[in-house]
Amino acid sequence: MSLRHSLRMSIQRVAIPCTKCIQQFHTSTVIRDRTRTLGPDQVLPATSLWTTVPDGTVKIREQNGASSGSEFEPMSVWTLMNNTVKRVPDRVGLAVKRDGKWIKWTYTQYMQDVKRVAKAFIHLGLERHHAVNILGFNAPEWHISNVASIVAGGLATGIYTTNSAECVK
């Protein structure tokens, strides 16, 4: 079985933004309008703090009793990553020690890998609100896959390496 085939089998079917949408999100800025309903930082009406529905909405939990006028506006993972790359593009964002050597990703490299993997997930058939199941240990590639699944419009879920095939059906 090829890597591509095994990746395709591990992705549940869902509808995702196209590559053009991801490129459009790349140019987005921090949204300061909580009524915004388009773009990566959209805030949709919700009545509950939780949901079990993949495309459900949840209320934003305010920190320390702050009201809706909080100084911290809602921000998507995509916007947070873009803002970080703009602020500190050459700072180390991820690092792992392998065979006694440190392998490091700057925030710019991290973002490039996230975009590459998000596009690959879309190409493999990931649809919006469907899951990418990630089997692996704590490693930069796990985090890249996690963020890429969100950027591609999907959901990420980790699978323990000790889980049996029946546990993850």
Protein backbone atom coordinates (compact mmCIF):
# COMPACT_ATOMS: atom_id res chain seq x y z
CA MET A 1 0.00 0.00 0.00
CA SER A 2 1.44 3.39 -0.97
CA LEU A 3 1.82 6.25 1.48
CA ARG A 4 -0.68 8.30 -0.52
CA HIS A 5 -3.20 5.44 -0.45
CA SER A 6 -2.78 4.94 3.30
CA LEU A 7 -3.15 8.69 3.92
CA ARG A 8 -6.28 8.74 1.78
CA MET A 9 -7.75 5.86 3.76
CA SER A 10 -7.06 7.64 7.06
CA ILE A 11 -8.97 10.79 6.05
CA GLN A 12 -12.73 10.79 6.56
CA ARG A 13 -14.77 12.44 3.80
CA VAL A 14 -15.67 16.13 4.34
CA ALA A 15 -15.99 19.45 2.34
CA ILE A 16 -13.06 21.90 2.74
CA PRO A 17 -12.07 25.32 1.48
CA CYS A 18 -10.20 25.15 -1.79
CA THR A 19 -6.54 26.10 -2.16
CA LYS A 20 -7.63 29.56 -3.34
CA CYS A 21 -9.43 30.03 -0.01
CA ILE A 22 -6.28 29.09 1.91
CA GLN A 23 -4.28 31.61 -0.13
CA GLN A 24 -6.94 34.23 0.59
CA PHE A 25 -6.70 33.47 4.33
CA HIS A 26 -2.94 34.03 4.09
CA THR A 27 -3.52 37.74 3.56
CA SER A 28 -6.05 38.09 6.37
CA THR A 29 -5.45 40.37 9.33
CA VAL A 30 -6.72 40.35 12.88
CA ILE A 31 -10.46 40.91 12.92
CA ARG A 32 -11.71 43.32 15.57
CA ASP A 33 -15.40 42.94 14.71
CA ARG A 34 -17.17 40.13 16.58
CA THR A 35 -20.12 40.31 14.19
CA ARG A 36 -17.96 39.23 11.25
CA THR A 37 -19.33 36.07 9.64
CA LEU A 38 -16.81 35.56 6.82
CA GLY A 39 -13.15 34.60 6.78
CA PRO A 40 -10.97 32.64 9.15
CA ASP A 41 -11.86 34.75 12.20
CA GLN A 42 -15.62 34.54 11.85
CA VAL A 43 -17.73 34.44 14.98
CA LEU A 44 -21.00 32.60 14.53
CA PRO A 45 -24.00 32.75 16.85
CA ALA A 46 -23.99 30.01 19.48
CA THR A 47 -25.86 29.15 22.68
CA SER A 48 -23.60 26.53 24.25
CA LEU A 49 -19.97 26.31 25.35
CA TRP A 50 -19.63 22.85 23.78
CA THR A 51 -20.85 20.71 20.91
CA THR A 52 -20.44 17.16 19.66
CA VAL A 53 -21.41 18.09 16.11
CA PRO A 54 -18.39 18.60 13.79
CA ASP A 55 -19.87 21.67 12.13
CA GLY A 56 -21.53 22.95 15.33
CA THR A 57 -20.89 26.35 16.88
CA VAL A 58 -19.78 27.15 20.41
CA LYS A 59 -19.86 30.29 22.51
CA ILE A 60 -16.50 31.88 23.10
CA ARG A 61 -15.49 31.43 26.70
CA GLU A 62 -14.41 34.76 28.15
CA GLN A 63 -11.40 34.75 30.46
CA ASN A 64 -11.65 36.05 34.04
CA GLY A 65 -15.25 37.12 33.67
CA ALA A 66 -14.43 39.54 30.84
CA SER A 67 -17.41 40.74 28.87
CA SER A 68 -17.80 40.72 25.11
CA GLY A 69 -15.76 43.95 25.12
CA SER A 70 -12.64 42.01 26.10
CA GLU A 71 -9.31 43.34 24.92
CA PHE A 72 -8.60 39.88 23.46
CA GLU A 73 -10.68 39.41 20.34
CA PRO A 74 -11.33 35.92 18.92
CA MET A 75 -8.61 34.81 16.54
CA SER A 76 -8.28 31.73 14.38
CA VAL A 77 -5.27 29.43 14.42
CA TRP A 78 -4.52 30.63 10.87
CA THR A 79 -4.50 34.31 11.84
CA LEU A 80 -2.44 33.60 14.97
CA MET A 81 0.14 31.78 12.87
CA ASN A 82 0.24 34.56 10.26
CA ASN A 83 0.66 37.20 12.96
CA THR A 84 3.49 35.22 14.55
CA VAL A 85 5.30 34.81 11.22
CA LYS A 86 4.99 38.55 10.58
CA ARG A 87 6.29 39.39 14.06
CA VAL A 88 9.14 36.85 14.41
CA PRO A 89 9.67 35.05 11.08
CA ASP A 90 13.14 33.69 11.89
CA ARG A 91 12.54 32.66 15.50
CA VAL A 92 12.53 28.92 16.22
CA GLY A 93 8.94 27.67 16.36
CA LEU A 94 9.51 23.92 16.58
CA ALA A 95 12.52 21.79 17.49
CA VAL A 96 13.27 18.14 18.03
CA LYS A 97 16.42 16.24 18.94
CA ARG A 98 17.05 13.27 16.65
CA ASP A 99 20.18 11.12 16.72
CA GLY A 100 21.84 13.65 19.00
CA LYS A 101 21.23 16.61 16.65
CA TRP A 102 18.67 19.38 16.99
CA ILE A 103 16.39 19.86 13.98
CA LYS A 104 14.67 23.24 14.06
CA TRP A 105 11.85 24.96 12.17
CA THR A 106 11.54 28.73 12.15
CA TYR A 107 8.01 30.08 12.25
CA THR A 108 8.30 30.78 8.51
CA GLN A 109 9.31 27.17 7.81
CA TYR A 110 6.60 25.92 10.16
CA MET A 111 3.99 27.95 8.24
CA GLN A 112 5.30 26.71 4.87
CA ASP A 113 5.03 23.10 6.03
CA VAL A 114 1.53 23.69 7.44
CA LYS A 115 0.38 25.13 4.09
CA ARG A 116 2.01 22.27 2.17
CA VAL A 117 0.35 19.62 4.34
CA ALA A 118 -3.03 21.42 4.32
CA LYS A 119 -2.96 21.45 0.52
CA ALA A 120 -2.03 17.76 0.53
CA PHE A 121 -4.97 16.94 2.82
CA ILE A 122 -7.31 18.79 0.48
CA HIS A 123 -5.81 17.04 -2.55
CA LEU A 124 -6.31 13.68 -0.83
CA GLY A 125 -10.00 14.45 -0.33
CA LEU A 126 -10.31 15.98 3.12
CA GLU A 127 -13.62 17.82 3.29
CA ARG A 128 -14.75 20.58 5.62
CA HIS A 129 -15.51 19.47 9.21
CA HIS A 130 -14.13 15.96 8.72
CA ALA A 131 -11.30 14.47 10.72
CA VAL A 132 -7.64 13.88 10.15
CA ASN A 133 -6.62 11.12 12.54
CA ILE A 134 -2.99 11.51 13.57
CA LEU A 135 -1.12 8.47 14.83
CA GLY A 136 2.28 9.29 16.23
CA PHE A 137 4.36 10.53 19.09
CA ASN A 138 4.96 14.10 20.24
CA ALA A 139 6.97 15.45 17.29
CA PRO A 140 7.00 18.54 15.08
CA GLU A 141 5.33 16.56 12.28
CA TRP A 142 2.41 15.79 14.61
CA HIS A 143 1.91 19.50 15.32
CA ILE A 144 2.29 20.41 11.64
CA SER A 145 -0.38 17.85 10.73
CA ASN A 146 -2.65 19.06 13.54
CA VAL A 147 -2.52 22.72 12.48
CA ALA A 148 -2.69 21.79 8.77
CA SER A 149 -5.93 19.86 9.30
CA ILE A 150 -7.47 22.95 10.93
CA VAL A 151 -6.16 25.28 8.21
CA ALA A 152 -7.64 22.94 5.59
CA GLY A 153 -11.06 23.18 7.25
CA GLY A 154 -10.99 19.83 8.97
CA LEU A 155 -10.66 18.63 12.54
CA ALA A 156 -7.63 16.97 14.07
CA THR A 157 -7.72 14.05 16.42
CA GLY A 158 -4.83 12.15 17.92
CA ILE A 159 -4.73 8.39 18.10
CA TYR A 160 -2.67 6.68 20.80
CA THR A 161 -0.07 4.28 19.43
CA THR A 162 -1.39 1.72 21.93
CA ASN A 163 -4.95 1.79 20.53
CA SER A 164 -6.21 -1.31 18.75
CA ALA A 165 -7.83 -1.17 15.31
CA GLU A 166 -11.25 -1.66 16.96
CA CYS A 167 -10.73 1.39 19.21
CA VAL A 168 -10.28 3.77 16.30
CA LYS A 169 -13.10 2.65 13.99
